[in-house]
Structure formats: C-alpha cells, structure tokens
Amino acid sequence: MGKILGLDLGIASVGWSIIDTEQNKIDELGVRLFNSADTSNNKKRREARLARRNIRRKKYRLEKIKELLSKNGFYPPEKYNLNPYELRVKGLNEKLTPEELYVALVHLAKRRGISYLDEIDKDDKNIDESLKINKELSKEKYPCEIQLERLKKYGKVRGLIEAENDGNSITLINVFTTSAYKREAVAILEQQKKYYPQIDDEFIKKYTDIITRKREFYVGPGDEKNRTNYGIYKTNGTTIT
C-alpha cells in the first residue's frame, strides 16, 4: 500500500494530508496553526544585538590597550581617585606618572569616537547640530579639553547637557570623531615620549591602531579563533577572501 505525505507550508500554518495512492483517496488531513513572526520587534532585537557587539568590542579593545601598557611597564594605580579628564589635559604639556598615564590612556580608549562623523559636512541638515558643534570645536581643541571645560561648567560630560549659545538653547553630547581622539592620543604620547624611552613611534602606532581599528562590514562577526557562518570566518575552517 502506497502512502504520500503532502505538506502546505505557510507563514502562520502548516497544512498536511496523507494520500492513499492505491485507492486514490485522502486518508487524513489537517492543519497546524501558530503565531506568525512579529516584525515590530525587529528594531528592538537589532538594537540589543548591536549593544552586545559594542560591549564585546569595547571589552576586547580595552584588553589590548591594557596588554600594550603592561608590556611597556605601565600599570594601574592601587586607588582610582584620579580625574581622567584632568590627566589627559595635563598629559598634553606635562609629564604624567606611569600610573597617571595608564589611567589617561585607558580612559581615552573607552570612547574612541565615531568614524563616519569625519565625513559629514557642517551644512548637512541630516546631521544632529550637537555633532556639528563638537566637530567644529575639535578643530581648535582636543576632546579632553572640551570635556574638561564642560565638566567644570556643567558638572558632567556624559549624557545630554542643556546649554545656551549666543542666546539660543542647544544640547551638548559627548560624541566626537575618531580622528579627533586619535589626534589627542598622538599629542599626549608625543609629549610623554620625552620622558619614557619605551614610548616610541612603534608604541604610538600600536596604540592608535587599536583605538581606531574598525571592522569592515563585509567581514561580518567572528574571527579566526571565534568562527561563525555569518561572517567570512566559516565554522568549517575556511575563510572567504
């Protein structure tokens, strides 16, 4: 006796039937209903996934920075009672102790800026005015100088700061370009280079490479040690080039 199972797959149901081919009749049939995917939650899932990736990348970046510093004799202080903004500004013109330099460079690496902001035009109406303000200020000052001024004036740096500029209300945010942070890092390290022989051009390049490193979109997630089929590093050991 021959039997055929027929399936009708839908986005919210599966219809099925069993056909007796010898008697040419349907023995059984039915349908299974289930809830369809809710696209309204896609944005939340994307945002949560992006947040997890950013946290993971930030953790990895800081691990590499701390590894670089420790290899060159810079270690964290026993007590973190130092103001990192003051240290970064101080490091532009004065010698920092090894502990102070460690705090300043780790703090600088925590927020390495946004790369696409380097390409925006000041007349671009699609870019938030707060970002334009930071980009213009960064032409004459380093991010640490701007941040320390805001800390002293408004009592905070992060989050939204409501302020006034020429009688107009403006909102300040703590977002700067990647190039601005790199420029600050180079300035600090060039100054500290005068006092520490282990800080040379190679050290400066390694540090700035870490804080400016950006994964290209076509590479996808994962790496050679952590493979996934959603990027170029496949779980079967191959790498797409």
Protein backbone atom coordinates (compact mmCIF):
# COMPACT_ATOMS: atom_id res chain seq x y z
CA MET A 1 0.00 0.00 0.00
CA GLY A 2 1.49 3.40 -1.05
CA LYS A 3 1.17 6.47 1.07
CA ILE A 4 2.12 10.07 0.27
CA LEU A 5 2.52 12.82 2.84
CA GLY A 6 1.65 16.24 1.48
CA LEU A 7 2.60 19.50 3.23
CA ASP A 8 1.49 23.06 2.59
CA LEU A 9 3.83 25.45 4.41
CA GLY A 10 2.63 28.96 5.21
CA ILE A 11 3.94 31.81 7.33
CA ALA A 12 1.48 31.02 10.15
CA SER A 13 0.32 27.48 9.42
CA VAL A 14 1.25 24.06 8.06
CA GLY A 15 -1.41 22.07 6.24
CA TRP A 16 -0.95 18.31 5.85
CA SER A 17 -2.62 15.33 4.27
CA ILE A 18 -1.95 11.61 3.82
CA ILE A 19 -2.97 10.17 0.45
CA ASP A 20 -3.58 6.51 -0.26
CA THR A 21 -2.19 6.10 -3.77
CA GLU A 22 -3.73 2.66 -4.33
CA GLN A 23 -7.28 3.70 -3.53
CA ASN A 24 -6.69 7.24 -4.72
CA LYS A 25 -8.20 8.87 -1.65
CA ILE A 26 -7.20 11.07 1.26
CA ASP A 27 -6.83 9.13 4.48
CA GLU A 28 -6.17 12.00 6.86
CA LEU A 29 -5.71 15.75 6.66
CA GLY A 30 -5.36 18.68 8.97
CA VAL A 31 -3.66 21.96 9.72
CA ARG A 32 -1.40 23.27 12.47
CA LEU A 33 -1.68 26.99 13.24
CA PHE A 34 0.93 29.05 15.05
CA ASN A 35 1.72 32.69 15.69
CA SER A 36 3.46 34.48 12.84
CA ALA A 37 6.67 36.46 13.39
CA ASP A 38 6.07 39.96 14.70
CA THR A 39 8.19 42.40 12.70
CA SER A 40 7.51 45.16 15.23
CA ASN A 41 10.14 43.60 17.49
CA ASN A 42 12.85 43.55 14.82
CA LYS A 43 14.14 47.00 15.76
CA LYS A 44 14.45 46.04 19.43
CA ARG A 45 16.29 42.85 18.52
CA ARG A 46 18.69 44.74 16.22
CA GLU A 47 19.38 47.36 18.88
CA ALA A 48 20.01 44.69 21.52
CA ARG A 49 22.32 42.80 19.16
CA LEU A 50 24.22 46.00 18.32
CA ALA A 51 24.59 46.83 22.02
CA ARG A 52 26.02 43.38 22.74
CA ARG A 53 28.51 43.71 19.89
CA ASN A 54 29.61 47.18 21.01
CA ILE A 55 30.15 45.95 24.57
CA ARG A 56 32.13 42.96 23.31
CA ARG A 57 34.28 45.10 21.00
CA LYS A 58 34.91 47.70 23.71
CA LYS A 59 35.98 44.96 26.13
CA TYR A 60 38.34 43.49 23.54
CA ARG A 61 39.79 46.93 22.71
CA LEU A 62 40.48 47.71 26.37
CA GLU A 63 42.09 44.31 26.89
CA LYS A 64 44.51 45.05 24.04
CA ILE A 65 45.27 48.53 25.38
CA LYS A 66 45.97 47.21 28.89
CA GLU A 67 48.13 44.45 27.42
CA LEU A 68 50.16 47.01 25.46
CA LEU A 69 50.60 49.22 28.53
CA SER A 70 51.61 46.40 30.87
CA LYS A 71 54.19 45.11 28.38
CA ASN A 72 55.80 48.54 28.48
CA GLY A 73 55.81 48.98 32.25
CA PHE A 74 52.62 50.97 32.79
CA TYR A 75 50.25 49.59 35.43
CA PRO A 76 47.04 50.79 37.08
CA PRO A 77 47.21 52.71 40.37
CA GLU A 78 46.14 50.97 43.57
CA LYS A 79 43.33 53.51 44.04
CA TYR A 80 41.32 55.08 41.23
CA ASN A 81 40.85 58.53 42.72
CA LEU A 82 42.26 60.37 39.70
CA ASN A 83 40.27 62.55 37.31
CA PRO A 84 40.98 61.09 33.84
CA TYR A 85 39.89 64.27 32.04
CA GLU A 86 42.38 66.34 34.03
CA LEU A 87 45.11 63.77 33.39
CA ARG A 88 44.51 63.76 29.64
CA VAL A 89 44.71 67.55 29.51
CA LYS A 90 47.78 67.56 31.76
CA GLY A 91 49.43 64.93 29.56
CA LEU A 92 49.35 67.28 26.58
CA ASN A 93 52.00 69.53 28.15
CA GLU A 94 53.41 67.90 31.29
CA LYS A 95 54.91 64.63 32.40
CA LEU A 96 52.47 62.09 33.79
CA THR A 97 53.48 59.44 36.29
CA PRO A 98 53.27 55.86 34.94
CA GLU A 99 50.02 55.34 36.88
CA GLU A 100 48.55 58.62 35.63
CA LEU A 101 49.48 57.77 32.06
CA TYR A 102 47.85 54.35 32.42
CA VAL A 103 44.59 55.93 33.63
CA ALA A 104 44.64 58.58 30.88
CA LEU A 105 45.28 56.15 28.01
CA VAL A 106 42.76 53.55 29.19
CA HIS A 107 40.12 56.24 29.64
CA LEU A 108 40.83 57.65 26.18
CA ALA A 109 40.42 54.20 24.65
CA LYS A 110 36.98 53.67 26.20
CA ARG A 111 35.36 56.03 23.72
CA ARG A 112 37.31 56.10 20.51
CA GLY A 113 34.77 58.22 18.59
CA ILE A 114 32.62 57.65 15.54
CA SER A 115 34.41 57.34 12.23
CA TYR A 116 31.63 58.40 9.86
CA LEU A 117 31.45 61.82 11.53
CA ASP A 118 34.76 62.66 9.87
CA GLU A 119 32.92 62.75 6.55
CA ILE A 120 29.98 64.99 7.47
CA ASP A 121 29.64 68.50 6.15
CA LYS A 122 28.80 71.32 8.54
CA ASP A 123 25.90 72.31 6.26
CA ASP A 124 24.42 68.80 6.18
CA LYS A 125 20.88 69.18 7.53
CA ASN A 126 20.58 65.45 8.26
CA ILE A 127 23.30 65.57 10.94
CA ASP A 128 22.42 66.49 14.51
CA GLU A 129 23.51 70.01 15.44
CA SER A 130 25.25 68.72 18.58
CA LEU A 131 27.60 66.62 16.46
CA LYS A 132 28.43 69.60 14.26
CA ILE A 133 29.27 71.66 17.35
CA ASN A 134 31.71 69.03 18.61
CA LYS A 135 33.33 68.68 15.21
CA GLU A 136 33.88 72.43 14.89
CA LEU A 137 35.27 72.70 18.43
CA SER A 138 37.65 69.81 17.71
CA LYS A 139 39.38 71.87 15.03
CA GLU A 140 40.97 74.06 17.72
CA LYS A 141 40.81 71.87 20.84
CA TYR A 142 41.29 68.25 21.77
CA PRO A 143 38.29 66.26 23.04
CA CYS A 144 39.77 66.13 26.55
CA GLU A 145 39.95 69.94 26.71
CA ILE A 146 36.32 70.27 25.61
CA GLN A 147 35.21 67.57 28.01
CA LEU A 148 37.05 69.05 30.99
CA GLU A 149 35.57 72.50 30.29
CA ARG A 150 32.07 71.01 30.25
CA LEU A 151 32.74 69.03 33.41
CA LYS A 152 33.77 72.18 35.26
CA LYS A 153 30.94 74.28 33.84
CA TYR A 154 28.03 71.83 33.85
CA GLY A 155 29.17 69.23 36.36
CA LYS A 156 29.04 66.37 33.87
CA VAL A 157 30.32 65.23 30.49
CA ARG A 158 28.21 62.25 29.50
CA GLY A 159 24.52 62.34 28.70
CA LEU A 160 22.62 65.33 27.37
CA ILE A 161 23.69 68.79 28.53
CA GLU A 162 21.26 71.64 28.00
CA ALA A 163 23.18 74.85 27.35
CA GLU A 164 22.97 78.20 25.57
CA ASN A 165 24.98 79.55 22.68
CA ASP A 166 24.53 83.16 21.56
CA GLY A 167 21.13 83.24 23.26
CA ASN A 168 19.97 80.00 21.65
CA SER A 169 19.26 76.80 23.55
CA ILE A 170 21.48 73.90 22.44
CA THR A 171 22.01 70.31 23.54
CA LEU A 172 25.57 69.11 24.03
CA ILE A 173 26.54 65.44 23.77
CA ASN A 174 29.79 63.58 24.40
CA VAL A 175 30.33 62.28 20.86
CA PHE A 176 33.44 63.18 18.87
CA THR A 177 35.08 61.94 15.69
CA THR A 178 37.56 59.09 15.66
CA SER A 179 40.17 61.36 14.10
CA ALA A 180 39.78 63.85 16.98
CA TYR A 181 40.51 61.15 19.55
CA LYS A 182 43.44 59.88 17.51
CA ARG A 183 44.85 63.41 17.27
CA GLU A 184 44.61 63.75 21.05
CA ALA A 185 46.23 60.36 21.64
CA VAL A 186 49.16 61.24 19.39
CA ALA A 187 49.60 64.63 21.10
CA ILE A 188 49.66 63.06 24.57
CA LEU A 189 52.03 60.28 23.56
CA GLU A 190 54.38 62.63 21.70
CA GLN A 191 54.66 64.68 24.90
CA GLN A 192 55.16 61.61 27.14
CA LYS A 193 57.69 60.28 24.65
CA LYS A 194 60.09 62.89 26.03
CA TYR A 195 60.06 61.21 29.44
CA TYR A 196 59.64 57.50 28.72
CA PRO A 197 62.02 55.72 26.31
CA GLN A 198 59.57 52.82 25.82
CA ILE A 199 57.13 55.23 24.18
CA ASP A 200 58.45 55.39 20.64
CA ASP A 201 56.88 55.65 17.20
CA GLU A 202 56.04 51.94 17.20
CA PHE A 203 54.26 52.24 20.55
CA ILE A 204 52.27 55.23 19.33
CA LYS A 205 51.26 53.40 16.16
CA LYS A 206 50.18 50.29 18.08
CA TYR A 207 48.08 52.36 20.47
CA THR A 208 46.38 54.44 17.77
CA ASP A 209 45.81 51.34 15.62
CA ILE A 210 43.90 49.73 18.47
CA ILE A 211 41.66 52.71 19.23
CA THR A 212 40.89 53.41 15.56
CA ARG A 213 40.55 49.83 14.37
CA LYS A 214 37.26 49.24 12.60
CA ARG A 215 35.82 46.02 11.24
CA GLU A 216 34.70 46.31 7.62
CA PHE A 217 31.03 45.47 7.08
CA TYR A 218 31.81 42.65 4.64
CA VAL A 219 33.96 40.82 7.22
CA GLY A 220 30.99 40.19 9.47
CA PRO A 221 31.14 38.84 13.03
CA GLY A 222 33.76 36.43 14.36
CA ASP A 223 37.46 35.98 13.71
CA GLU A 224 39.95 33.17 13.11
CA LYS A 225 39.61 31.93 16.68
CA ASN A 226 35.86 32.54 17.03
CA ARG A 227 34.29 31.33 13.79
CA THR A 228 30.69 31.75 12.67
CA ASN A 229 28.87 31.16 9.39
CA TYR A 230 27.58 34.75 9.49
CA GLY A 231 30.99 36.23 8.57
CA ILE A 232 33.98 35.45 6.38
CA TYR A 233 35.44 33.12 9.04
CA LYS A 234 33.36 29.98 8.50
CA THR A 235 32.92 27.22 11.08
CA ASN A 236 34.30 24.62 8.63
CA GLY A 237 37.71 26.28 8.83
CA THR A 238 37.55 28.16 5.53
CA THR A 239 37.96 31.91 5.19
CA ILE A 240 36.34 33.87 2.38
CA THR A 241 38.76 36.35 0.81
